Amino acid sequence: MKLITYAITVVGVAVLSLSTISSAHAAAADRDYVCESLYMEQSYDCAIEAVIVEKKRLNKIYMTAYRTLDKHEKEQLDKEQIAWLKARSEQCDFEHDGPMNNTVVYAMINSDVCTANETQKRSKVMAKRYNIK
């Protein structure tokens, strides 16, 4: 009986892990990150992966656009990007000074999801402006 319970638990964890991975990949394709409704560890992983994916996407778009610009346009883009980063930080950054608990962890997850979503929006704006696919 213990073996059956163990096997069911292992299969359940495997299915949950696969669904979490699928959700993260589907979210990247659909560009809609919803990580908060998963279990804490999966939510945390989903949010971190979302940030990584979106930052890589934005960096690729930024570098592609940057290579096509003259010196003045590069300076303008740099200023614009710095202003956007400050605005994103004001909106999404998480600061906490105190003991960690579940509420704090979920606040960190929400911050990461916000960062991913705002970075995604910026990528879309830049891709459209510079006609990058």
N, C-alpha and C. Protein backbone atom coordinates (compact mmCIF):
# COMPACT_ATOMS: atom_id res chain seq x y z
N MET A 1 0.82 -1.20 0.00
CA MET A 1 0.00 0.00 0.00
C MET A 1 0.87 1.27 0.00
N LYS A 2 1.99 1.23 0.79
CA LYS A 2 2.88 2.38 0.82
C LYS A 2 3.52 2.61 -0.55
N LEU A 3 3.83 1.52 -1.24
CA LEU A 3 4.43 1.64 -2.56
C LEU A 3 3.47 2.30 -3.55
N ILE A 4 2.20 1.94 -3.48
CA ILE A 4 1.19 2.53 -4.37
C ILE A 4 1.04 4.02 -4.07
N THR A 5 0.98 4.36 -2.79
CA THR A 5 0.85 5.77 -2.40
C THR A 5 2.06 6.56 -2.88
N TYR A 6 3.25 5.98 -2.70
CA TYR A 6 4.48 6.63 -3.16
C TYR A 6 4.46 6.82 -4.68
N ALA A 7 4.06 5.80 -5.40
CA ALA A 7 4.01 5.87 -6.86
C ALA A 7 3.03 6.94 -7.32
N ILE A 8 1.89 7.00 -6.68
CA ILE A 8 0.89 8.01 -7.04
C ILE A 8 1.43 9.41 -6.76
N THR A 9 2.13 9.56 -5.63
CA THR A 9 2.72 10.85 -5.29
C THR A 9 3.77 11.27 -6.31
N VAL A 10 4.64 10.34 -6.69
CA VAL A 10 5.68 10.64 -7.67
C VAL A 10 5.06 11.03 -9.01
N VAL A 11 4.06 10.28 -9.45
CA VAL A 11 3.40 10.59 -10.71
C VAL A 11 2.71 11.96 -10.62
N GLY A 12 2.07 12.23 -9.50
CA GLY A 12 1.40 13.52 -9.32
C GLY A 12 2.36 14.68 -9.40
N VAL A 13 3.50 14.54 -8.73
CA VAL A 13 4.52 15.60 -8.76
C VAL A 13 5.05 15.77 -10.17
N ALA A 14 5.28 14.66 -10.87
CA ALA A 14 5.78 14.74 -12.25
C ALA A 14 4.78 15.46 -13.16
N VAL A 15 3.51 15.13 -13.02
CA VAL A 15 2.47 15.77 -13.84
C VAL A 15 2.40 17.26 -13.52
N LEU A 16 2.45 17.60 -12.23
CA LEU A 16 2.41 19.00 -11.84
C LEU A 16 3.61 19.75 -12.39
N SER A 17 4.79 19.14 -12.31
CA SER A 17 5.99 19.78 -12.84
C SER A 17 5.88 20.01 -14.34
N LEU A 18 5.41 19.01 -15.06
CA LEU A 18 5.25 19.15 -16.51
C LEU A 18 4.23 20.22 -16.85
N SER A 19 3.15 20.28 -16.10
CA SER A 19 2.13 21.29 -16.39
C SER A 19 2.67 22.68 -16.10
N THR A 20 3.51 22.80 -15.06
CA THR A 20 4.12 24.09 -14.75
C THR A 20 5.05 24.51 -15.86
N ILE A 21 5.88 23.58 -16.33
CA ILE A 21 6.79 23.89 -17.43
C ILE A 21 6.00 24.25 -18.67
N SER A 22 4.96 23.49 -18.96
CA SER A 22 4.12 23.79 -20.13
C SER A 22 3.49 25.15 -20.00
N SER A 23 3.02 25.50 -18.79
CA SER A 23 2.42 26.80 -18.57
C SER A 23 3.42 27.91 -18.83
N ALA A 24 4.64 27.73 -18.36
CA ALA A 24 5.66 28.76 -18.56
C ALA A 24 5.98 28.91 -20.04
N HIS A 25 6.12 27.79 -20.75
CA HIS A 25 6.41 27.88 -22.18
C HIS A 25 5.23 28.43 -22.95
N ALA A 26 4.02 28.01 -22.60
CA ALA A 26 2.84 28.54 -23.27
C ALA A 26 2.72 30.02 -23.00
N ALA A 27 3.03 30.42 -21.77
CA ALA A 27 2.96 31.84 -21.43
C ALA A 27 3.94 32.63 -22.28
N ALA A 28 5.12 32.06 -22.52
CA ALA A 28 6.10 32.76 -23.35
C ALA A 28 5.58 32.91 -24.77
N ALA A 29 4.94 31.86 -25.27
CA ALA A 29 4.40 31.91 -26.63
C ALA A 29 3.21 32.86 -26.69
N ASP A 30 2.33 32.78 -25.70
CA ASP A 30 1.14 33.62 -25.66
C ASP A 30 1.44 35.01 -25.11
N ARG A 31 2.59 35.13 -24.47
CA ARG A 31 3.00 36.39 -23.87
C ARG A 31 2.02 36.88 -22.82
N ASP A 32 1.60 35.94 -21.97
CA ASP A 32 0.72 36.28 -20.86
C ASP A 32 1.17 35.47 -19.66
N TYR A 33 1.84 36.11 -18.72
CA TYR A 33 2.41 35.40 -17.57
C TYR A 33 1.44 35.41 -16.40
N VAL A 34 1.02 34.24 -16.01
CA VAL A 34 0.16 34.06 -14.84
C VAL A 34 0.83 32.99 -13.99
N CYS A 35 1.64 33.42 -13.07
CA CYS A 35 2.40 32.49 -12.25
C CYS A 35 1.86 32.39 -10.82
N GLU A 36 1.10 33.36 -10.40
CA GLU A 36 0.71 33.47 -9.01
C GLU A 36 -0.23 32.36 -8.52
N SER A 37 -0.93 31.70 -9.43
CA SER A 37 -1.93 30.71 -9.01
C SER A 37 -1.35 29.31 -8.81
N LEU A 38 -0.04 29.14 -9.05
CA LEU A 38 0.60 27.84 -8.87
C LEU A 38 1.04 27.69 -7.41
N TYR A 39 1.52 26.51 -7.07
CA TYR A 39 2.11 26.34 -5.74
C TYR A 39 3.32 27.24 -5.65
N MET A 40 3.71 27.58 -4.43
CA MET A 40 4.74 28.59 -4.21
C MET A 40 6.02 28.32 -5.00
N GLU A 41 6.57 27.14 -4.90
CA GLU A 41 7.83 26.86 -5.59
C GLU A 41 7.67 26.98 -7.10
N GLN A 42 6.57 26.45 -7.62
CA GLN A 42 6.33 26.54 -9.06
C GLN A 42 6.06 27.99 -9.47
N SER A 43 5.36 28.74 -8.63
CA SER A 43 5.11 30.16 -8.91
C SER A 43 6.42 30.93 -8.99
N TYR A 44 7.28 30.65 -8.04
CA TYR A 44 8.58 31.32 -8.01
C TYR A 44 9.38 31.00 -9.27
N ASP A 45 9.46 29.72 -9.62
CA ASP A 45 10.19 29.30 -10.82
C ASP A 45 9.59 29.90 -12.07
N CYS A 46 8.28 29.91 -12.17
CA CYS A 46 7.58 30.47 -13.32
C CYS A 46 7.91 31.96 -13.48
N ALA A 47 7.87 32.70 -12.37
CA ALA A 47 8.12 34.13 -12.42
C ALA A 47 9.57 34.43 -12.81
N ILE A 48 10.50 33.68 -12.24
CA ILE A 48 11.90 33.88 -12.58
C ILE A 48 12.14 33.57 -14.06
N GLU A 49 11.57 32.47 -14.54
CA GLU A 49 11.72 32.10 -15.95
C GLU A 49 11.10 33.17 -16.85
N ALA A 50 9.98 33.72 -16.45
CA ALA A 50 9.32 34.77 -17.24
C ALA A 50 10.24 35.99 -17.38
N VAL A 51 10.86 36.38 -16.28
CA VAL A 51 11.77 37.53 -16.32
C VAL A 51 12.95 37.24 -17.24
N ILE A 52 13.52 36.05 -17.12
CA ILE A 52 14.66 35.68 -17.96
C ILE A 52 14.28 35.72 -19.44
N VAL A 53 13.15 35.10 -19.77
CA VAL A 53 12.70 35.05 -21.17
C VAL A 53 12.49 36.46 -21.72
N GLU A 54 11.79 37.29 -20.97
CA GLU A 54 11.47 38.63 -21.47
C GLU A 54 12.68 39.54 -21.53
N LYS A 55 13.59 39.42 -20.58
CA LYS A 55 14.80 40.23 -20.64
C LYS A 55 15.67 39.84 -21.83
N LYS A 56 15.75 38.54 -22.10
CA LYS A 56 16.51 38.09 -23.28
C LYS A 56 15.86 38.62 -24.56
N ARG A 57 14.54 38.55 -24.62
CA ARG A 57 13.82 39.03 -25.81
C ARG A 57 14.07 40.53 -26.00
N LEU A 58 13.94 41.30 -24.94
CA LEU A 58 14.15 42.74 -25.05
C LEU A 58 15.59 43.05 -25.44
N ASN A 59 16.53 42.36 -24.84
CA ASN A 59 17.93 42.61 -25.17
C ASN A 59 18.21 42.33 -26.64
N LYS A 60 17.64 41.27 -27.15
CA LYS A 60 17.84 40.93 -28.57
C LYS A 60 17.25 42.03 -29.47
N ILE A 61 16.05 42.46 -29.15
CA ILE A 61 15.41 43.52 -29.94
C ILE A 61 16.20 44.82 -29.83
N TYR A 62 16.60 45.15 -28.62
CA TYR A 62 17.36 46.37 -28.38
C TYR A 62 18.66 46.37 -29.18
N MET A 63 19.39 45.26 -29.11
CA MET A 63 20.68 45.19 -29.82
C MET A 63 20.48 45.22 -31.33
N THR A 64 19.44 44.58 -31.81
CA THR A 64 19.15 44.59 -33.25
C THR A 64 18.85 46.02 -33.71
N ALA A 65 18.04 46.72 -32.95
CA ALA A 65 17.71 48.11 -33.29
C ALA A 65 18.94 49.00 -33.18
N TYR A 66 19.69 48.82 -32.13
CA TYR A 66 20.85 49.66 -31.85
C TYR A 66 21.87 49.64 -32.98
N ARG A 67 22.04 48.49 -33.59
CA ARG A 67 23.02 48.35 -34.68
C ARG A 67 22.64 49.17 -35.91
N THR A 68 21.37 49.51 -36.04
CA THR A 68 20.91 50.24 -37.23
C THR A 68 20.91 51.75 -37.05
N LEU A 69 21.22 52.23 -35.85
CA LEU A 69 21.07 53.65 -35.54
C LEU A 69 22.37 54.42 -35.68
N ASP A 70 22.23 55.71 -35.97
CA ASP A 70 23.41 56.57 -35.96
C ASP A 70 23.69 57.01 -34.51
N LYS A 71 24.76 57.75 -34.31
CA LYS A 71 25.19 58.13 -32.96
C LYS A 71 24.10 58.88 -32.19
N HIS A 72 23.47 59.83 -32.82
CA HIS A 72 22.43 60.62 -32.15
C HIS A 72 21.23 59.74 -31.78
N GLU A 73 20.82 58.89 -32.70
CA GLU A 73 19.69 58.00 -32.43
C GLU A 73 20.01 57.01 -31.31
N LYS A 74 21.25 56.55 -31.26
CA LYS A 74 21.67 55.66 -30.18
C LYS A 74 21.58 56.36 -28.82
N GLU A 75 22.03 57.61 -28.78
CA GLU A 75 21.94 58.38 -27.54
C GLU A 75 20.49 58.56 -27.10
N GLN A 76 19.63 58.85 -28.06
CA GLN A 76 18.20 59.01 -27.76
C GLN A 76 17.61 57.71 -27.23
N LEU A 77 17.94 56.61 -27.89
CA LEU A 77 17.42 55.31 -27.45
C LEU A 77 17.93 54.97 -26.05
N ASP A 78 19.20 55.26 -25.79
CA ASP A 78 19.75 55.00 -24.46
C ASP A 78 19.02 55.81 -23.39
N LYS A 79 18.76 57.08 -23.66
CA LYS A 79 18.03 57.92 -22.70
C LYS A 79 16.62 57.39 -22.48
N GLU A 80 15.99 57.01 -23.56
CA GLU A 80 14.63 56.47 -23.48
C GLU A 80 14.61 55.17 -22.67
N GLN A 81 15.61 54.34 -22.91
CA GLN A 81 15.67 53.05 -22.21
C GLN A 81 15.92 53.26 -20.72
N ILE A 82 16.78 54.20 -20.37
CA ILE A 82 17.03 54.50 -18.96
C ILE A 82 15.77 54.99 -18.28
N ALA A 83 15.04 55.87 -18.94
CA ALA A 83 13.78 56.37 -18.38
C ALA A 83 12.78 55.24 -18.21
N TRP A 84 12.70 54.35 -19.20
CA TRP A 84 11.79 53.21 -19.09
C TRP A 84 12.19 52.30 -17.93
N LEU A 85 13.47 52.02 -17.79
CA LEU A 85 13.93 51.16 -16.69
C LEU A 85 13.58 51.76 -15.32
N LYS A 86 13.74 53.07 -15.19
CA LYS A 86 13.37 53.72 -13.93
C LYS A 86 11.87 53.59 -13.67
N ALA A 87 11.07 53.80 -14.70
CA ALA A 87 9.61 53.69 -14.54
C ALA A 87 9.22 52.25 -14.20
N ARG A 88 9.84 51.28 -14.88
CA ARG A 88 9.54 49.88 -14.58
C ARG A 88 9.93 49.53 -13.16
N SER A 89 11.07 50.04 -12.72
CA SER A 89 11.51 49.78 -11.35
C SER A 89 10.54 50.36 -10.34
N GLU A 90 10.09 51.57 -10.58
CA GLU A 90 9.13 52.19 -9.66
C GLU A 90 7.84 51.38 -9.59
N GLN A 91 7.44 50.83 -10.71
CA GLN A 91 6.20 50.07 -10.76
C GLN A 91 6.35 48.65 -10.20
N CYS A 92 7.47 48.01 -10.46
CA CYS A 92 7.58 46.57 -10.19
C CYS A 92 8.56 46.15 -9.10
N ASP A 93 9.53 46.98 -8.77
CA ASP A 93 10.54 46.53 -7.82
C ASP A 93 9.94 46.19 -6.46
N PHE A 94 10.55 45.21 -5.84
CA PHE A 94 10.12 44.73 -4.53
C PHE A 94 11.24 44.96 -3.54
N GLU A 95 10.92 45.64 -2.47
CA GLU A 95 11.89 45.83 -1.40
C GLU A 95 11.25 45.37 -0.10
N HIS A 96 12.02 44.61 0.65
CA HIS A 96 11.51 44.10 1.92
C HIS A 96 12.64 44.03 2.91
N ASP A 97 12.38 44.51 4.09
CA ASP A 97 13.37 44.46 5.16
C ASP A 97 12.68 43.85 6.37
N GLY A 98 12.90 42.59 6.59
CA GLY A 98 12.27 41.90 7.70
C GLY A 98 12.25 40.41 7.48
N PRO A 99 11.50 39.72 8.30
CA PRO A 99 11.47 38.26 8.18
C PRO A 99 10.73 37.81 6.92
N MET A 100 11.17 36.69 6.40
CA MET A 100 10.53 36.11 5.22
C MET A 100 9.34 35.26 5.65
N ASN A 101 8.28 35.32 4.90
CA ASN A 101 7.14 34.45 5.09
C ASN A 101 6.45 34.27 3.73
N ASN A 102 5.40 33.49 3.72
CA ASN A 102 4.72 33.21 2.44
C ASN A 102 4.22 34.48 1.75
N THR A 103 3.72 35.40 2.51
CA THR A 103 3.21 36.64 1.93
C THR A 103 4.32 37.41 1.22
N VAL A 104 5.48 37.44 1.83
CA VAL A 104 6.63 38.13 1.24
C VAL A 104 7.07 37.42 -0.04
N VAL A 105 7.10 36.10 -0.01
CA VAL A 105 7.51 35.34 -1.20
C VAL A 105 6.54 35.61 -2.35
N TYR A 106 5.25 35.60 -2.07
CA TYR A 106 4.28 35.88 -3.14
C TYR A 106 4.39 37.33 -3.63
N ALA A 107 4.77 38.25 -2.76
CA ALA A 107 4.99 39.62 -3.20
C ALA A 107 6.20 39.68 -4.15
N MET A 108 7.23 38.89 -3.86
CA MET A 108 8.39 38.81 -4.75
C MET A 108 7.98 38.23 -6.09
N ILE A 109 7.15 37.21 -6.07
CA ILE A 109 6.66 36.59 -7.30
C ILE A 109 5.88 37.60 -8.12
N ASN A 110 4.99 38.34 -7.47
CA ASN A 110 4.21 39.38 -8.16
C ASN A 110 5.12 40.43 -8.78
N SER A 111 6.18 40.78 -8.09
CA SER A 111 7.14 41.74 -8.61
C SER A 111 7.81 41.22 -9.87
N ASP A 112 8.20 39.95 -9.84
CA ASP A 112 8.83 39.35 -11.02
C ASP A 112 7.86 39.26 -12.19
N VAL A 113 6.62 38.90 -11.93
CA VAL A 113 5.62 38.83 -13.00
C VAL A 113 5.39 40.22 -13.59
N CYS A 114 5.34 41.22 -12.74
CA CYS A 114 5.20 42.60 -13.20
C CYS A 114 6.38 42.98 -14.09
N THR A 115 7.58 42.64 -13.65
CA THR A 115 8.78 42.93 -14.42
C THR A 115 8.73 42.25 -15.79
N ALA A 116 8.34 40.98 -15.80
CA ALA A 116 8.24 40.25 -17.07
C ALA A 116 7.21 40.89 -17.99
N ASN A 117 6.05 41.22 -17.45
CA ASN A 117 4.98 41.80 -18.28
C ASN A 117 5.36 43.18 -18.81
N GLU A 118 5.97 44.00 -17.98
CA GLU A 118 6.37 45.34 -18.43
C GLU A 118 7.51 45.25 -19.44
N THR A 119 8.41 44.31 -19.26
CA THR A 119 9.50 44.12 -20.21
C THR A 119 8.96 43.64 -21.55
N GLN A 120 7.97 42.77 -21.47
CA GLN A 120 7.32 42.28 -22.69
C GLN A 120 6.66 43.44 -23.45
N LYS A 121 5.99 44.33 -22.74
CA LYS A 121 5.36 45.49 -23.38
C LYS A 121 6.40 46.36 -24.08
N ARG A 122 7.52 46.55 -23.40
CA ARG A 122 8.60 47.36 -23.97
C ARG A 122 9.15 46.69 -25.23
N SER A 123 9.29 45.38 -25.19
CA SER A 123 9.77 44.64 -26.37
C SER A 123 8.84 44.85 -27.55
N LYS A 124 7.54 44.78 -27.30
CA LYS A 124 6.56 44.97 -28.37
C LYS A 124 6.66 46.36 -28.98
N VAL A 125 6.81 47.37 -28.12
CA VAL A 125 6.91 48.75 -28.59
C VAL A 125 8.16 48.92 -29.46
N MET A 126 9.28 48.42 -28.97
CA MET A 126 10.52 48.57 -29.72
C MET A 126 10.51 47.76 -31.01
N ALA A 127 9.97 46.55 -30.96
CA ALA A 127 9.92 45.72 -32.17
C ALA A 127 9.07 46.39 -33.23
N LYS A 128 7.96 46.98 -32.81
CA LYS A 128 7.09 47.66 -33.78
C LYS A 128 7.78 48.90 -34.33
N ARG A 129 8.37 49.70 -33.47
CA ARG A 129 9.03 50.93 -33.90
C ARG A 129 10.15 50.67 -34.90
N TYR A 130 10.94 49.64 -34.64
CA TYR A 130 12.10 49.35 -35.49
C TYR A 130 11.87 48.21 -36.47
N ASN A 131 10.62 47.78 -36.58
CA ASN A 131 10.21 46.74 -37.51
C ASN A 131 11.06 45.48 -37.36
N ILE A 132 11.12 44.97 -36.11
CA ILE A 132 11.90 43.78 -35.78
C ILE A 132 10.95 42.66 -35.44
N LYS A 133 11.19 41.50 -36.04
CA LYS A 133 10.32 40.36 -35.79
C LYS A 133 11.03 39.33 -34.96
